[in-house]
């Protein structure tokens, strides 16, 4: 699998927009346990540039797939997904609302 690690602000916007808070019928806020997965998959949808599943399962990379991140869960073995999740964790950390803000070389 290949992915880009040159993150843009638009990537962060897309990752954070993957989370939708809603209320149940009684007006209580509801947050699902899959929040991290939704954020990670939104990131993966944008940064995966190539993967071997295209040849094996006939599934294009998420950024070019109509199901987008939904195809990740359908084609990736859980061990592969967990390994990928570990690898991109530093990138996902930059996407969070409380992300550290290191000095920019452009400043």
PDB file of N, CA and C in Angstrom:
ATOM      1  N   UNK A   1       0.837  -1.167   0.000  1.00  0.00           N
ATOM      2  CA  UNK A   1       0.000   0.000   0.000  1.00  0.00           C
ATOM      3  C   UNK A   1       0.881   1.228   0.000  1.00  0.00           C
ATOM      4  N   UNK A   2       0.470   2.207  -0.761  1.00  0.00           N
ATOM      5  CA  UNK A   2       1.176   3.477  -0.794  1.00  0.00           C
ATOM      6  C   UNK A   2       0.205   4.570  -0.383  1.00  0.00           C
ATOM      7  N   UNK A   3       0.721   5.539   0.373  1.00  0.00           N
ATOM      8  CA  UNK A   3      -0.099   6.682   0.751  1.00  0.00           C
ATOM      9  C   UNK A   3       0.781   7.901   0.861  1.00  0.00           C
ATOM     10  N   UNK A   4       0.172   9.050   0.667  1.00  0.00           N
ATOM     11  CA  UNK A   4       0.924  10.302   0.772  1.00  0.00           C
ATOM     12  C   UNK A   4       0.908  10.770   2.226  1.00  0.00           C
ATOM     13  N   UNK A   5       1.964  11.432   2.621  1.00  0.00           N
ATOM     14  CA  UNK A   5       2.007  11.945   3.990  1.00  0.00           C
ATOM     15  C   UNK A   5       2.171  13.461   4.022  1.00  0.00           C
ATOM     16  N   UNK A   6       2.008  14.098   2.877  1.00  0.00           N
ATOM     17  CA  UNK A   6       2.052  15.556   2.821  1.00  0.00           C
ATOM     18  C   UNK A   6       0.635  16.090   3.012  1.00  0.00           C
ATOM     19  N   UNK A   7       0.251  16.176   4.262  1.00  0.00           N
ATOM     20  CA  UNK A   7      -1.117  16.537   4.607  1.00  0.00           C
ATOM     21  C   UNK A   7      -1.400  18.014   4.344  1.00  0.00           C
ATOM     22  N   UNK A   8      -2.634  18.271   3.967  1.00  0.00           N
ATOM     23  CA  UNK A   8      -3.110  19.632   3.703  1.00  0.00           C
ATOM     24  C   UNK A   8      -4.234  19.965   4.677  1.00  0.00           C
ATOM     25  N   UNK A   9      -4.531  21.223   4.801  1.00  0.00           N
ATOM     26  CA  UNK A   9      -5.631  21.641   5.677  1.00  0.00           C
ATOM     27  C   UNK A   9      -6.940  20.991   5.221  1.00  0.00           C
ATOM     28  N   UNK A  10      -7.136  20.841   3.921  1.00  0.00           N
ATOM     29  CA  UNK A  10      -8.363  20.214   3.404  1.00  0.00           C
ATOM     30  C   UNK A  10      -8.503  18.785   3.904  1.00  0.00           C
ATOM     31  N   UNK A  11      -7.381  18.093   4.119  1.00  0.00           N
ATOM     32  CA  UNK A  11      -7.442  16.740   4.674  1.00  0.00           C
ATOM     33  C   UNK A  11      -8.011  16.788   6.089  1.00  0.00           C
ATOM     34  N   UNK A  12      -7.546  17.743   6.874  1.00  0.00           N
ATOM     35  CA  UNK A  12      -8.039  17.875   8.243  1.00  0.00           C
ATOM     36  C   UNK A  12      -9.526  18.209   8.252  1.00  0.00           C
ATOM     37  N   UNK A  13      -9.939  19.099   7.368  1.00  0.00           N
ATOM     38  CA  UNK A  13     -11.356  19.461   7.296  1.00  0.00           C
ATOM     39  C   UNK A  13     -12.201  18.229   6.990  1.00  0.00           C
ATOM     40  N   UNK A  14     -11.758  17.427   6.024  1.00  0.00           N
ATOM     41  CA  UNK A  14     -12.515  16.233   5.625  1.00  0.00           C
ATOM     42  C   UNK A  14     -12.575  15.214   6.759  1.00  0.00           C
ATOM     43  N   UNK A  15     -11.478  15.045   7.469  1.00  0.00           N
ATOM     44  CA  UNK A  15     -11.444  14.086   8.577  1.00  0.00           C
ATOM     45  C   UNK A  15     -12.391  14.532   9.681  1.00  0.00           C
ATOM     46  N   UNK A  16     -12.343  15.804  10.042  1.00  0.00           N
ATOM     47  CA  UNK A  16     -13.205  16.281  11.107  1.00  0.00           C
ATOM     48  C   UNK A  16     -14.678  16.288  10.689  1.00  0.00           C
ATOM     49  N   UNK A  17     -14.955  16.502   9.410  1.00  0.00           N
ATOM     50  CA  UNK A  17     -16.336  16.487   8.933  1.00  0.00           C
ATOM     51  C   UNK A  17     -16.911  15.075   8.854  1.00  0.00           C
ATOM     52  N   UNK A  18     -16.074  14.059   9.002  1.00  0.00           N
ATOM     53  CA  UNK A  18     -16.557  12.674   8.983  1.00  0.00           C
ATOM     54  C   UNK A  18     -17.371  12.357  10.231  1.00  0.00           C
ATOM     55  N   UNK A  19     -17.232  13.180  11.257  1.00  0.00           N
ATOM     56  CA  UNK A  19     -17.932  12.965  12.514  1.00  0.00           C
ATOM     57  C   UNK A  19     -19.162  13.850  12.575  1.00  0.00           C
ATOM     58  N   UNK A  20     -20.292  13.232  12.844  1.00  0.00           N
ATOM     59  CA  UNK A  20     -21.547  13.964  12.980  1.00  0.00           C
ATOM     60  C   UNK A  20     -22.136  13.613  14.341  1.00  0.00           C
ATOM     61  N   UNK A  21     -22.351  14.621  15.149  1.00  0.00           N
ATOM     62  CA  UNK A  21     -22.977  14.413  16.438  1.00  0.00           C
ATOM     63  C   UNK A  21     -24.476  14.603  16.264  1.00  0.00           C
ATOM     64  N   UNK A  22     -25.256  13.715  16.821  1.00  0.00           N
ATOM     65  CA  UNK A  22     -26.698  13.865  16.736  1.00  0.00           C
ATOM     66  C   UNK A  22     -27.335  13.591  18.090  1.00  0.00           C
ATOM     67  N   UNK A  23     -28.623  13.700  18.132  1.00  0.00           N
ATOM     68  CA  UNK A  23     -29.364  13.479  19.373  1.00  0.00           C
ATOM     69  C   UNK A  23     -30.371  12.359  19.159  1.00  0.00           C
ATOM     70  N   UNK A  24     -30.583  11.585  20.234  1.00  0.00           N
ATOM     71  CA  UNK A  24     -31.595  10.526  20.142  1.00  0.00           C
ATOM     72  C   UNK A  24     -32.969  11.150  20.366  1.00  0.00           C
ATOM     73  N   UNK A  25     -33.994  10.345  20.391  1.00  0.00           N
ATOM     74  CA  UNK A  25     -35.366  10.851  20.509  1.00  0.00           C
ATOM     75  C   UNK A  25     -35.611  11.638  21.795  1.00  0.00           C
ATOM     76  N   UNK A  26     -34.825  11.348  22.831  1.00  0.00           N
ATOM     77  CA  UNK A  26     -35.016  12.054  24.097  1.00  0.00           C
ATOM     78  C   UNK A  26     -34.183  13.338  24.171  1.00  0.00           C
ATOM     79  N   UNK A  27     -33.422  13.638  23.101  1.00  0.00           N
ATOM     80  CA  UNK A  27     -32.633  14.858  23.080  1.00  0.00           C
ATOM     81  C   UNK A  27     -31.219  14.709  23.606  1.00  0.00           C
ATOM     82  N   UNK A  28     -30.849  13.486  24.000  1.00  0.00           N
ATOM     83  CA  UNK A  28     -29.487  13.259  24.491  1.00  0.00           C
ATOM     84  C   UNK A  28     -28.528  13.149  23.317  1.00  0.00           C
ATOM     85  N   UNK A  29     -27.324  13.675  23.503  1.00  0.00           N
ATOM     86  CA  UNK A  29     -26.295  13.559  22.468  1.00  0.00           C
ATOM     87  C   UNK A  29     -25.881  12.106  22.315  1.00  0.00           C
ATOM     88  N   UNK A  30     -25.602  11.732  21.088  1.00  0.00           N
ATOM     89  CA  UNK A  30     -25.189  10.362  20.794  1.00  0.00           C
ATOM     90  C   UNK A  30     -23.849  10.400  20.069  1.00  0.00           C
ATOM     91  N   UNK A  31     -22.928   9.616  20.556  1.00  0.00           N
ATOM     92  CA  UNK A  31     -21.630   9.474  19.899  1.00  0.00           C
ATOM     93  C   UNK A  31     -21.387   7.979  19.758  1.00  0.00           C
ATOM     94  N   UNK A  32     -21.087   7.532  18.550  1.00  0.00           N
ATOM     95  CA  UNK A  32     -20.848   6.103  18.359  1.00  0.00           C
ATOM     96  C   UNK A  32     -19.413   5.754  18.719  1.00  0.00           C
ATOM     97  N   UNK A  33     -19.182   4.501  19.002  1.00  0.00           N
ATOM     98  CA  UNK A  33     -17.842   4.020  19.315  1.00  0.00           C
ATOM     99  C   UNK A  33     -16.922   3.999  18.103  1.00  0.00           C
ATOM    100  N   UNK A  34     -17.468   4.205  16.926  1.00  0.00           N
ATOM    101  CA  UNK A  34     -16.673   4.153  15.701  1.00  0.00           C
ATOM    102  C   UNK A  34     -16.111   5.494  15.269  1.00  0.00           C
ATOM    103  N   UNK A  35     -16.116   6.470  16.155  1.00  0.00           N
ATOM    104  CA  UNK A  35     -15.653   7.800  15.791  1.00  0.00           C
ATOM    105  C   UNK A  35     -14.222   7.787  15.255  1.00  0.00           C
ATOM    106  N   UNK A  36     -13.322   7.109  15.921  1.00  0.00           N
ATOM    107  CA  UNK A  36     -11.926   7.042  15.468  1.00  0.00           C
ATOM    108  C   UNK A  36     -11.827   6.373  14.104  1.00  0.00           C
ATOM    109  N   UNK A  37     -12.592   5.298  13.911  1.00  0.00           N
ATOM    110  CA  UNK A  37     -12.562   4.615  12.613  1.00  0.00           C
ATOM    111  C   UNK A  37     -13.057   5.530  11.506  1.00  0.00           C
ATOM    112  N   UNK A  38     -14.123   6.278  11.766  1.00  0.00           N
ATOM    113  CA  UNK A  38     -14.650   7.195  10.751  1.00  0.00           C
ATOM    114  C   UNK A  38     -13.615   8.246  10.387  1.00  0.00           C
ATOM    115  N   UNK A  39     -12.937   8.779  11.391  1.00  0.00           N
ATOM    116  CA  UNK A  39     -11.915   9.785  11.124  1.00  0.00           C
ATOM    117  C   UNK A  39     -10.741   9.180  10.364  1.00  0.00           C
ATOM    118  N   UNK A  40     -10.282   8.016  10.806  1.00  0.00           N
ATOM    119  CA  UNK A  40      -9.156   7.355  10.143  1.00  0.00           C
ATOM    120  C   UNK A  40      -9.508   7.013   8.700  1.00  0.00           C
ATOM    121  N   UNK A  41     -10.704   6.469   8.495  1.00  0.00           N
ATOM    122  CA  UNK A  41     -11.097   6.075   7.149  1.00  0.00           C
ATOM    123  C   UNK A  41     -11.273   7.277   6.234  1.00  0.00           C
ATOM    124  N   UNK A  42     -11.743   8.394   6.781  1.00  0.00           N
ATOM    125  CA  UNK A  42     -11.839   9.608   5.982  1.00  0.00           C
ATOM    126  C   UNK A  42     -10.448  10.061   5.546  1.00  0.00           C
ATOM    127  N   UNK A  43      -9.475   9.914   6.435  1.00  0.00           N
ATOM    128  CA  UNK A  43      -8.099  10.247   6.085  1.00  0.00           C
ATOM    129  C   UNK A  43      -7.567   9.277   5.036  1.00  0.00           C
ATOM    130  N   UNK A  44      -7.759   7.982   5.262  1.00  0.00           N
ATOM    131  CA  UNK A  44      -7.267   6.978   4.315  1.00  0.00           C
ATOM    132  C   UNK A  44      -7.875   7.167   2.934  1.00  0.00           C
ATOM    133  N   UNK A  45      -9.132   7.529   2.899  1.00  0.00           N
ATOM    134  CA  UNK A  45      -9.821   7.770   1.623  1.00  0.00           C
ATOM    135  C   UNK A  45      -9.086   8.825   0.810  1.00  0.00           C
ATOM    136  N   UNK A  46      -8.506   9.792   1.486  1.00  0.00           N
ATOM    137  CA  UNK A  46      -7.835  10.894   0.803  1.00  0.00           C
ATOM    138  C   UNK A  46      -6.376  10.605   0.493  1.00  0.00           C
ATOM    139  N   UNK A  47      -5.703   9.786   1.329  1.00  0.00           N
ATOM    140  CA  UNK A  47      -4.244   9.679   1.172  1.00  0.00           C
ATOM    141  C   UNK A  47      -3.757   8.400   0.507  1.00  0.00           C
ATOM    142  N   UNK A  48      -4.581   7.348   0.438  1.00  0.00           N
ATOM    143  CA  UNK A  48      -4.115   6.111  -0.208  1.00  0.00           C
ATOM    144  C   UNK A  48      -3.989   6.372  -1.700  1.00  0.00           C
ATOM    145  N   UNK A  49      -2.803   6.162  -2.222  1.00  0.00           N
ATOM    146  CA  UNK A  49      -2.559   6.415  -3.641  1.00  0.00           C
ATOM    147  C   UNK A  49      -2.469   5.128  -4.460  1.00  0.00           C
ATOM    148  N   UNK A  50      -2.204   4.013  -3.808  1.00  0.00           N
ATOM    149  CA  UNK A  50      -2.136   2.724  -4.513  1.00  0.00           C
ATOM    150  C   UNK A  50      -2.238   1.615  -3.482  1.00  0.00           C
ATOM    151  N   UNK A  51      -2.812   0.480  -3.921  1.00  0.00           N
ATOM    152  CA  UNK A  51      -2.830  -0.703  -3.066  1.00  0.00           C
ATOM    153  C   UNK A  51      -2.980  -1.944  -3.921  1.00  0.00           C
ATOM    154  N   UNK A  52      -2.597  -3.092  -3.360  1.00  0.00           N
ATOM    155  CA  UNK A  52      -2.617  -4.344  -4.119  1.00  0.00           C
ATOM    156  C   UNK A  52      -4.022  -4.909  -4.279  1.00  0.00           C
ATOM    157  N   UNK A  53      -4.990  -4.417  -3.538  1.00  0.00           N
ATOM    158  CA  UNK A  53      -6.354  -4.939  -3.656  1.00  0.00           C
ATOM    159  C   UNK A  53      -6.939  -4.684  -5.037  1.00  0.00           C
ATOM    160  N   UNK A  54      -6.441  -3.671  -5.713  1.00  0.00           N
ATOM    161  CA  UNK A  54      -6.917  -3.360  -7.048  1.00  0.00           C
ATOM    162  C   UNK A  54      -6.771  -4.575  -7.957  1.00  0.00           C
ATOM    163  N   UNK A  55      -5.648  -5.272  -7.816  1.00  0.00           N
ATOM    164  CA  UNK A  55      -5.398  -6.450  -8.639  1.00  0.00           C
ATOM    165  C   UNK A  55      -6.117  -7.677  -8.086  1.00  0.00           C
ATOM    166  N   UNK A  56      -6.075  -7.847  -6.759  1.00  0.00           N
ATOM    167  CA  UNK A  56      -6.642  -9.041  -6.126  1.00  0.00           C
ATOM    168  C   UNK A  56      -8.158  -9.071  -6.132  1.00  0.00           C
ATOM    169  N   UNK A  57      -8.768  -7.960  -5.766  1.00  0.00           N
ATOM    170  CA  UNK A  57     -10.217  -7.965  -5.593  1.00  0.00           C
ATOM    171  C   UNK A  57     -10.955  -7.095  -6.612  1.00  0.00           C
ATOM    172  N   UNK A  58     -10.204  -6.478  -7.518  1.00  0.00           N
ATOM    173  CA  UNK A  58     -10.830  -5.626  -8.511  1.00  0.00           C
ATOM    174  C   UNK A  58     -11.417  -4.350  -7.936  1.00  0.00           C
ATOM    175  N   UNK A  59     -10.901  -3.890  -6.791  1.00  0.00           N
ATOM    176  CA  UNK A  59     -11.418  -2.700  -6.131  1.00  0.00           C
ATOM    177  C   UNK A  59     -10.417  -1.561  -6.288  1.00  0.00           C
ATOM    178  N   UNK A  60     -10.827  -0.451  -6.902  1.00  0.00           N
ATOM    179  CA  UNK A  60      -9.895   0.675  -7.031  1.00  0.00           C
ATOM    180  C   UNK A  60      -9.597   1.307  -5.672  1.00  0.00           C
ATOM    181  N   UNK A  61      -8.526   2.076  -5.610  1.00  0.00           N
ATOM    182  CA  UNK A  61      -8.160   2.732  -4.352  1.00  0.00           C
ATOM    183  C   UNK A  61      -9.313   3.628  -3.906  1.00  0.00           C
ATOM    184  N   UNK A  62      -9.471   3.829  -2.598  1.00  0.00           N
ATOM    185  CA  UNK A  62     -10.626   4.567  -2.074  1.00  0.00           C
ATOM    186  C   UNK A  62     -10.845   5.938  -2.712  1.00  0.00           C
ATOM    187  N   UNK A  63      -9.781   6.669  -2.998  1.00  0.00           N
ATOM    188  CA  UNK A  63      -9.955   8.011  -3.561  1.00  0.00           C
ATOM    189  C   UNK A  63     -10.588   7.977  -4.949  1.00  0.00           C
ATOM    190  N   UNK A  64     -10.549   6.807  -5.602  1.00  0.00           N
ATOM    191  CA  UNK A  64     -11.156   6.674  -6.934  1.00  0.00           C
ATOM    192  C   UNK A  64     -12.324   5.693  -6.923  1.00  0.00           C
ATOM    193  N   UNK A  65     -12.793   5.320  -5.753  1.00  0.00           N
ATOM    194  CA  UNK A  65     -13.859   4.330  -5.626  1.00  0.00           C
ATOM    195  C   UNK A  65     -15.151   5.034  -5.243  1.00  0.00           C
ATOM    196  N   UNK A  66     -16.228   4.666  -5.866  1.00  0.00           N
ATOM    197  CA  UNK A  66     -17.501   5.321  -5.601  1.00  0.00           C
ATOM    198  C   UNK A  66     -17.919   5.162  -4.136  1.00  0.00           C
ATOM    199  N   UNK A  67     -17.547   4.065  -3.498  1.00  0.00           N
ATOM    200  CA  UNK A  67     -17.885   3.851  -2.086  1.00  0.00           C
ATOM    201  C   UNK A  67     -16.904   4.539  -1.154  1.00  0.00           C
ATOM    202  N   UNK A  68     -15.869   5.127  -1.717  1.00  0.00           N
ATOM    203  CA  UNK A  68     -14.835   5.821  -0.950  1.00  0.00           C
ATOM    204  C   UNK A  68     -14.296   4.939   0.178  1.00  0.00           C
ATOM    205  N   UNK A  69     -14.312   5.454   1.409  1.00  0.00           N
ATOM    206  CA  UNK A  69     -13.733   4.722   2.529  1.00  0.00           C
ATOM    207  C   UNK A  69     -14.494   3.442   2.846  1.00  0.00           C
ATOM    208  N   UNK A  70     -15.740   3.337   2.404  1.00  0.00           N
ATOM    209  CA  UNK A  70     -16.518   2.135   2.661  1.00  0.00           C
ATOM    210  C   UNK A  70     -15.873   0.890   2.087  1.00  0.00           C
ATOM    211  N   UNK A  71     -15.113   1.044   1.014  1.00  0.00           N
ATOM    212  CA  UNK A  71     -14.476  -0.126   0.417  1.00  0.00           C
ATOM    213  C   UNK A  71     -13.319  -0.637   1.278  1.00  0.00           C
ATOM    214  N   UNK A  72     -12.763   0.196   2.135  1.00  0.00           N
ATOM    215  CA  UNK A  72     -11.641  -0.221   2.976  1.00  0.00           C
ATOM    216  C   UNK A  72     -12.059  -1.385   3.861  1.00  0.00           C
ATOM    217  N   UNK A  73     -13.179  -1.247   4.526  1.00  0.00           N
ATOM    218  CA  UNK A  73     -13.651  -2.296   5.424  1.00  0.00           C
ATOM    219  C   UNK A  73     -14.076  -3.564   4.710  1.00  0.00           C
ATOM    220  N   UNK A  74     -14.468  -3.437   3.458  1.00  0.00           N
ATOM    221  CA  UNK A  74     -14.925  -4.604   2.705  1.00  0.00           C
ATOM    222  C   UNK A  74     -13.778  -5.441   2.153  1.00  0.00           C
ATOM    223  N   UNK A  75     -12.650  -4.824   1.836  1.00  0.00           N
ATOM    224  CA  UNK A  75     -11.568  -5.575   1.193  1.00  0.00           C
ATOM    225  C   UNK A  75     -10.360  -5.841   2.085  1.00  0.00           C
ATOM    226  N   UNK A  76     -10.162  -5.022   3.119  1.00  0.00           N
ATOM    227  CA  UNK A  76      -8.961  -5.190   3.941  1.00  0.00           C
ATOM    228  C   UNK A  76      -9.165  -6.217   5.040  1.00  0.00           C
ATOM    229  N   UNK A  77      -8.218  -7.115   5.151  1.00  0.00           N
ATOM    230  CA  UNK A  77      -8.155  -8.056   6.262  1.00  0.00           C
ATOM    231  C   UNK A  77      -7.953  -7.241   7.538  1.00  0.00           C
ATOM    232  N   UNK A  78      -8.511  -7.680   8.653  1.00  0.00           N
ATOM    233  CA  UNK A  78      -8.429  -6.924   9.901  1.00  0.00           C
ATOM    234  C   UNK A  78      -6.986  -6.709  10.348  1.00  0.00           C
ATOM    235  N   UNK A  79      -6.121  -7.692  10.147  1.00  0.00           N
ATOM    236  CA  UNK A  79      -4.714  -7.526  10.534  1.00  0.00           C
ATOM    237  C   UNK A  79      -4.037  -6.458   9.679  1.00  0.00           C
ATOM    238  N   UNK A  80      -4.356  -6.443   8.376  1.00  0.00           N
ATOM    239  CA  UNK A  80      -3.803  -5.409   7.488  1.00  0.00           C
ATOM    240  C   UNK A  80      -4.301  -4.031   7.918  1.00  0.00           C
ATOM    241  N   UNK A  81      -5.593  -3.948   8.243  1.00  0.00           N
ATOM    242  CA  UNK A  81      -6.163  -2.666   8.653  1.00  0.00           C
ATOM    243  C   UNK A  81      -5.511  -2.178   9.944  1.00  0.00           C
ATOM    244  N   UNK A  82      -5.351  -3.078  10.906  1.00  0.00           N
ATOM    245  CA  UNK A  82      -4.736  -2.684  12.179  1.00  0.00           C
ATOM    246  C   UNK A  82      -3.300  -2.204  11.978  1.00  0.00           C
ATOM    247  N   UNK A  83      -2.562  -2.866  11.098  1.00  0.00           N
ATOM    248  CA  UNK A  83      -1.190  -2.451  10.794  1.00  0.00           C
ATOM    249  C   UNK A  83      -1.186  -1.070  10.156  1.00  0.00           C
ATOM    250  N   UNK A  84      -2.076  -0.873   9.192  1.00  0.00           N
ATOM    251  CA  UNK A  84      -2.175   0.429   8.529  1.00  0.00           C
ATOM    252  C   UNK A  84      -2.592   1.508   9.530  1.00  0.00           C
ATOM    253  N   UNK A  85      -3.533   1.187  10.398  1.00  0.00           N
ATOM    254  CA  UNK A  85      -3.986   2.150  11.405  1.00  0.00           C
ATOM    255  C   UNK A  85      -2.819   2.603  12.281  1.00  0.00           C
ATOM    256  N   UNK A  86      -1.962   1.673  12.665  1.00  0.00           N
ATOM    257  CA  UNK A  86      -0.779   2.032  13.464  1.00  0.00           C
ATOM    258  C   UNK A  86       0.154   2.946  12.684  1.00  0.00           C
ATOM    259  N   UNK A  87       0.361   2.628  11.403  1.00  0.00           N
ATOM    260  CA  UNK A  87       1.284   3.426  10.584  1.00  0.00           C
ATOM    261  C   UNK A  87       0.808   4.852  10.381  1.00  0.00           C
ATOM    262  N   UNK A  88      -0.487   5.035  10.227  1.00  0.00           N
ATOM    263  CA  UNK A  88      -0.997   6.387   9.948  1.00  0.00           C
ATOM    264  C   UNK A  88      -1.413   7.133  11.208  1.00  0.00           C
ATOM    265  N   UNK A  89      -1.249   6.536  12.365  1.00  0.00           N
ATOM    266  CA  UNK A  89      -1.640   7.196  13.618  1.00  0.00           C
ATOM    267  C   UNK A  89      -0.990   8.575  13.776  1.00  0.00           C
ATOM    268  N   UNK A  90       0.318   8.737  13.461  1.00  0.00           N
ATOM    269  CA  UNK A  90       0.898  10.079  13.575  1.00  0.00           C
ATOM    270  C   UNK A  90       0.211  11.094  12.652  1.00  0.00           C
ATOM    271  N   UNK A  91      -0.231  10.646  11.481  1.00  0.00           N
ATOM    272  CA  UNK A  91      -0.940  11.543  10.571  1.00  0.00           C
ATOM    273  C   UNK A  91      -2.319  11.871  11.123  1.00  0.00           C
ATOM    274  N   UNK A  92      -2.987  10.879  11.675  1.00  0.00           N
ATOM    275  CA  UNK A  92      -4.317  11.089  12.243  1.00  0.00           C
ATOM    276  C   UNK A  92      -4.253  12.041  13.432  1.00  0.00           C
ATOM    277  N   UNK A  93      -3.193  11.972  14.199  1.00  0.00           N
ATOM    278  CA  UNK A  93      -3.009  12.866  15.345  1.00  0.00           C
ATOM    279  C   UNK A  93      -3.045  14.324  14.888  1.00  0.00           C
ATOM    280  N   UNK A  94      -2.486  14.607  13.715  1.00  0.00           N
ATOM    281  CA  UNK A  94      -2.496  15.970  13.190  1.00  0.00           C
ATOM    282  C   UNK A  94      -3.900  16.425  12.789  1.00  0.00           C
ATOM    283  N   UNK A  95      -4.808  15.487  12.617  1.00  0.00           N
ATOM    284  CA  UNK A  95      -6.161  15.800  12.181  1.00  0.00           C
ATOM    285  C   UNK A  95      -7.095  16.119  13.334  1.00  0.00           C
ATOM    286  N   UNK A  96      -6.731  15.738  14.534  1.00  0.00           N
ATOM    287  CA  UNK A  96      -7.611  15.906  15.690  1.00  0.00           C
ATOM    288  C   UNK A  96      -7.741  17.366  16.078  1.00  0.00           C
ATOM    289  N   UNK A  97      -8.830  17.680  16.778  1.00  0.00           N
ATOM    290  CA  UNK A  97      -9.086  19.049  17.203  1.00  0.00           C
ATOM    291  C   UNK A  97      -7.995  19.538  18.152  1.00  0.00           C
ATOM    292  N   UNK A  98      -7.416  18.641  18.917  1.00  0.00           N
ATOM    293  CA  UNK A  98      -6.389  19.022  19.892  1.00  0.00           C
ATOM    294  C   UNK A  98      -4.996  18.688  19.383  1.00  0.00           C
ATOM    295  N   UNK A  99      -4.818  18.719  18.068  1.00  0.00           N
ATOM    296  CA  UNK A  99      -3.528  18.357  17.469  1.00  0.00           C
ATOM    297  C   UNK A  99      -2.443  19.318  17.918  1.00  0.00           C
ATOM    298  N   UNK A 100      -1.248  18.778  18.162  1.00  0.00           N
ATOM    299  CA  UNK A 100      -0.125  19.670  18.485  1.00  0.00           C
ATOM    300  C   UNK A 100       0.158  20.577  17.295  1.00  0.00           C
ATOM    301  N   UNK A 101       0.619  21.757  17.554  1.00  0.00           N
ATOM    302  CA  UNK A 101       0.866  22.704  16.490  1.00  0.00           C
ATOM    303  C   UNK A 101       2.338  23.103  16.475  1.00  0.00           C
ATOM    304  N   UNK A 102       3.175  22.269  15.817  1.00  0.00           N
ATOM    305  CA  UNK A 102       4.604  22.600  15.783  1.00  0.00           C
ATOM    306  C   UNK A 102       4.837  23.856  14.948  1.00  0.00           C
ATOM    307  N   UNK A 103       5.927  24.574  15.204  1.00  0.00           N
ATOM    308  CA  UNK A 103       6.209  25.767  14.423  1.00  0.00           C
ATOM    309  C   UNK A 103       6.317  25.426  12.942  1.00  0.00           C
ATOM    310  N   UNK A 104       5.799  26.279  12.109  1.00  0.00           N
ATOM    311  CA  UNK A 104       5.850  26.068  10.672  1.00  0.00           C
ATOM    312  C   UNK A 104       7.109  26.678  10.104  1.00  0.00           C
ATOM    313  N   UNK A 105       7.693  26.019   9.127  1.00  0.00           N
ATOM    314  CA  UNK A 105       8.885  26.570   8.482  1.00  0.00           C
ATOM    315  C   UNK A 105       8.514  27.780   7.611  1.00  0.00           C
ATOM    316  N   UNK A 106       7.209  27.919   7.311  1.00  0.00           N
ATOM    317  CA  UNK A 106       6.755  29.039   6.487  1.00  0.00           C
ATOM    318  C   UNK A 106       6.519  30.284   7.312  1.00  0.00           C
ATOM    319  N   UNK A 107       6.541  30.166   8.638  1.00  0.00           N
ATOM    320  CA  UNK A 107       6.240  31.324   9.499  1.00  0.00           C
ATOM    321  C   UNK A 107       7.410  32.273   9.591  1.00  0.00           C
TER     322      UNK A 107
END
